[in-house]
Amino acid sequence: MASVQAVPTYPARHRDNRAMVVFYWVIGVLVVGTLLPSLFYLVLYAATGEDVAASRARTLWNFTRMFALGGFNILIWGHVIVGLWRLWFN
């Protein structure tokens, strides 16, 4: 008698995964795109002592934090909203 093997089940892929991948990439590019120049100006300030370099490093660091924390906040609340939508309308 032949044995029946169970077919593995995988989680369903939802349509919003592609949009979230785009979101992750945009936030990643924004964070890295402001972090690297911030580090550059910090090193430049450490080497030269110019106040302009320190000001630019501080400003870019603030933008880096804003993008990272804003992206994290949107990520969490986006998942909450999508989860509630699926509970109520699917």
C-alpha atoms as a PDB file:
ATOM      1  CA  MET A   1       0.000   0.000   0.000  1.00  0.00           C
ATOM      2  CA  ALA A   2       1.406   3.375  -0.991  1.00  0.00           C
ATOM      3  CA  SER A   3       1.726   6.065   1.645  1.00  0.00           C
ATOM      4  CA  VAL A   4       0.303   9.517   1.037  1.00  0.00           C
ATOM      5  CA  GLN A   5       2.655  12.379   1.748  1.00  0.00           C
ATOM      6  CA  ALA A   6       1.311  15.700   2.881  1.00  0.00           C
ATOM      7  CA  VAL A   7       1.873  18.590   0.518  1.00  0.00           C
ATOM      8  CA  PRO A   8       3.643  21.427   2.333  1.00  0.00           C
ATOM      9  CA  THR A   9       1.569  24.567   2.651  1.00  0.00           C
ATOM     10  CA  TYR A  10       3.144  27.958   2.365  1.00  0.00           C
ATOM     11  CA  PRO A  11       1.712  31.240   3.600  1.00  0.00           C
ATOM     12  CA  ALA A  12      -0.297  33.100   1.006  1.00  0.00           C
ATOM     13  CA  ARG A  13       1.526  35.958  -0.659  1.00  0.00           C
ATOM     14  CA  HIS A  14      -0.457  39.122  -0.392  1.00  0.00           C
ATOM     15  CA  ARG A  15      -0.627  41.861  -2.960  1.00  0.00           C
ATOM     16  CA  ASP A  16       0.779  44.502  -0.597  1.00  0.00           C
ATOM     17  CA  ASN A  17       4.197  42.804  -0.289  1.00  0.00           C
ATOM     18  CA  ARG A  18       5.488  44.494  -3.420  1.00  0.00           C
ATOM     19  CA  ALA A  19       4.419  47.923  -2.148  1.00  0.00           C
ATOM     20  CA  MET A  20       6.128  47.275   1.174  1.00  0.00           C
ATOM     21  CA  VAL A  21       9.350  46.258  -0.571  1.00  0.00           C
ATOM     22  CA  VAL A  22       9.287  49.578  -2.426  1.00  0.00           C
ATOM     23  CA  PHE A  23       8.653  51.371   0.877  1.00  0.00           C
ATOM     24  CA  TYR A  24      11.593  49.579   2.537  1.00  0.00           C
ATOM     25  CA  TRP A  25      13.880  50.546  -0.331  1.00  0.00           C
ATOM     26  CA  VAL A  26      12.793  54.189  -0.313  1.00  0.00           C
ATOM     27  CA  ILE A  27      13.284  54.508   3.442  1.00  0.00           C
ATOM     28  CA  GLY A  28      16.614  52.667   3.234  1.00  0.00           C
ATOM     29  CA  VAL A  29      17.893  54.951   0.481  1.00  0.00           C
ATOM     30  CA  LEU A  30      16.771  58.040   2.400  1.00  0.00           C
ATOM     31  CA  VAL A  31      18.398  56.878   5.644  1.00  0.00           C
ATOM     32  CA  VAL A  32      21.671  55.796   4.055  1.00  0.00           C
ATOM     33  CA  GLY A  33      21.632  58.816   1.730  1.00  0.00           C
ATOM     34  CA  THR A  34      21.617  61.163   4.706  1.00  0.00           C
ATOM     35  CA  LEU A  35      23.705  59.052   7.099  1.00  0.00           C
ATOM     36  CA  LEU A  36      26.774  58.763   4.877  1.00  0.00           C
ATOM     37  CA  PRO A  37      27.085  62.510   4.184  1.00  0.00           C
ATOM     38  CA  SER A  38      26.499  63.153   7.892  1.00  0.00           C
ATOM     39  CA  LEU A  39      29.410  60.858   8.757  1.00  0.00           C
ATOM     40  CA  PHE A  40      31.534  62.509   6.060  1.00  0.00           C
ATOM     41  CA  TYR A  41      30.921  65.983   7.495  1.00  0.00           C
ATOM     42  CA  LEU A  42      31.530  64.691  11.025  1.00  0.00           C
ATOM     43  CA  VAL A  43      34.933  63.343   9.965  1.00  0.00           C
ATOM     44  CA  LEU A  44      35.585  66.594   8.088  1.00  0.00           C
ATOM     45  CA  TYR A  45      34.747  68.561  11.246  1.00  0.00           C
ATOM     46  CA  ALA A  46      37.026  66.335  13.325  1.00  0.00           C
ATOM     47  CA  ALA A  47      39.869  66.895  10.844  1.00  0.00           C
ATOM     48  CA  THR A  48      39.446  70.642  10.246  1.00  0.00           C
ATOM     49  CA  GLY A  49      37.422  72.031  13.146  1.00  0.00           C
ATOM     50  CA  GLU A  50      35.181  74.037  10.787  1.00  0.00           C
ATOM     51  CA  ASP A  51      31.850  74.952  12.357  1.00  0.00           C
ATOM     52  CA  VAL A  52      30.086  74.726   8.976  1.00  0.00           C
ATOM     53  CA  ALA A  53      30.973  71.022   8.723  1.00  0.00           C
ATOM     54  CA  ALA A  54      29.607  70.408  12.242  1.00  0.00           C
ATOM     55  CA  SER A  55      26.387  72.228  11.375  1.00  0.00           C
ATOM     56  CA  ARG A  56      25.919  70.189   8.205  1.00  0.00           C
ATOM     57  CA  ALA A  57      26.671  66.936  10.038  1.00  0.00           C
ATOM     58  CA  ARG A  58      24.124  67.811  12.716  1.00  0.00           C
ATOM     59  CA  THR A  59      21.469  68.766  10.161  1.00  0.00           C
ATOM     60  CA  LEU A  60      21.975  65.612   8.108  1.00  0.00           C
ATOM     61  CA  TRP A  61      21.952  63.482  11.267  1.00  0.00           C
ATOM     62  CA  ASN A  62      18.611  65.031  12.237  1.00  0.00           C
ATOM     63  CA  PHE A  63      17.212  64.167   8.799  1.00  0.00           C
ATOM     64  CA  THR A  64      18.558  60.613   9.164  1.00  0.00           C
ATOM     65  CA  ARG A  65      16.770  60.218  12.482  1.00  0.00           C
ATOM     66  CA  MET A  66      13.578  61.744  11.074  1.00  0.00           C
ATOM     67  CA  PHE A  67      13.538  59.347   8.094  1.00  0.00           C
ATOM     68  CA  ALA A  68      14.368  56.289  10.241  1.00  0.00           C
ATOM     69  CA  LEU A  69      11.825  57.001  12.974  1.00  0.00           C
ATOM     70  CA  GLY A  70       9.161  58.165  10.519  1.00  0.00           C
ATOM     71  CA  GLY A  71       9.661  55.060   8.396  1.00  0.00           C
ATOM     72  CA  PHE A  72       9.434  52.844  11.470  1.00  0.00           C
ATOM     73  CA  ASN A  73       6.245  54.597  12.580  1.00  0.00           C
ATOM     74  CA  ILE A  74       4.640  54.289   9.132  1.00  0.00           C
ATOM     75  CA  LEU A  75       5.725  50.638   8.981  1.00  0.00           C
ATOM     76  CA  ILE A  76       4.055  49.736  12.271  1.00  0.00           C
ATOM     77  CA  TRP A  77       0.842  51.712  11.736  1.00  0.00           C
ATOM     78  CA  GLY A  78       0.643  50.502   8.144  1.00  0.00           C
ATOM     79  CA  HIS A  79       0.701  46.902   9.325  1.00  0.00           C
ATOM     80  CA  VAL A  80      -1.935  47.676  11.954  1.00  0.00           C
ATOM     81  CA  ILE A  81      -4.219  49.272   9.357  1.00  0.00           C
ATOM     82  CA  VAL A  82      -3.720  46.442   6.848  1.00  0.00           C
ATOM     83  CA  GLY A  83      -4.376  43.858   9.568  1.00  0.00           C
ATOM     84  CA  LEU A  84      -7.589  45.582  10.645  1.00  0.00           C
ATOM     85  CA  TRP A  85      -8.680  45.940   7.020  1.00  0.00           C
ATOM     86  CA  ARG A  86      -8.184  42.213   6.462  1.00  0.00           C
ATOM     87  CA  LEU A  87     -10.081  41.344   9.622  1.00  0.00           C
ATOM     88  CA  TRP A  88     -13.070  43.509   8.715  1.00  0.00           C
ATOM     89  CA  PHE A  89     -13.273  43.230   4.933  1.00  0.00           C
ATOM     90  CA  ASN A  90     -11.761  39.875   3.959  1.00  0.00           C
END
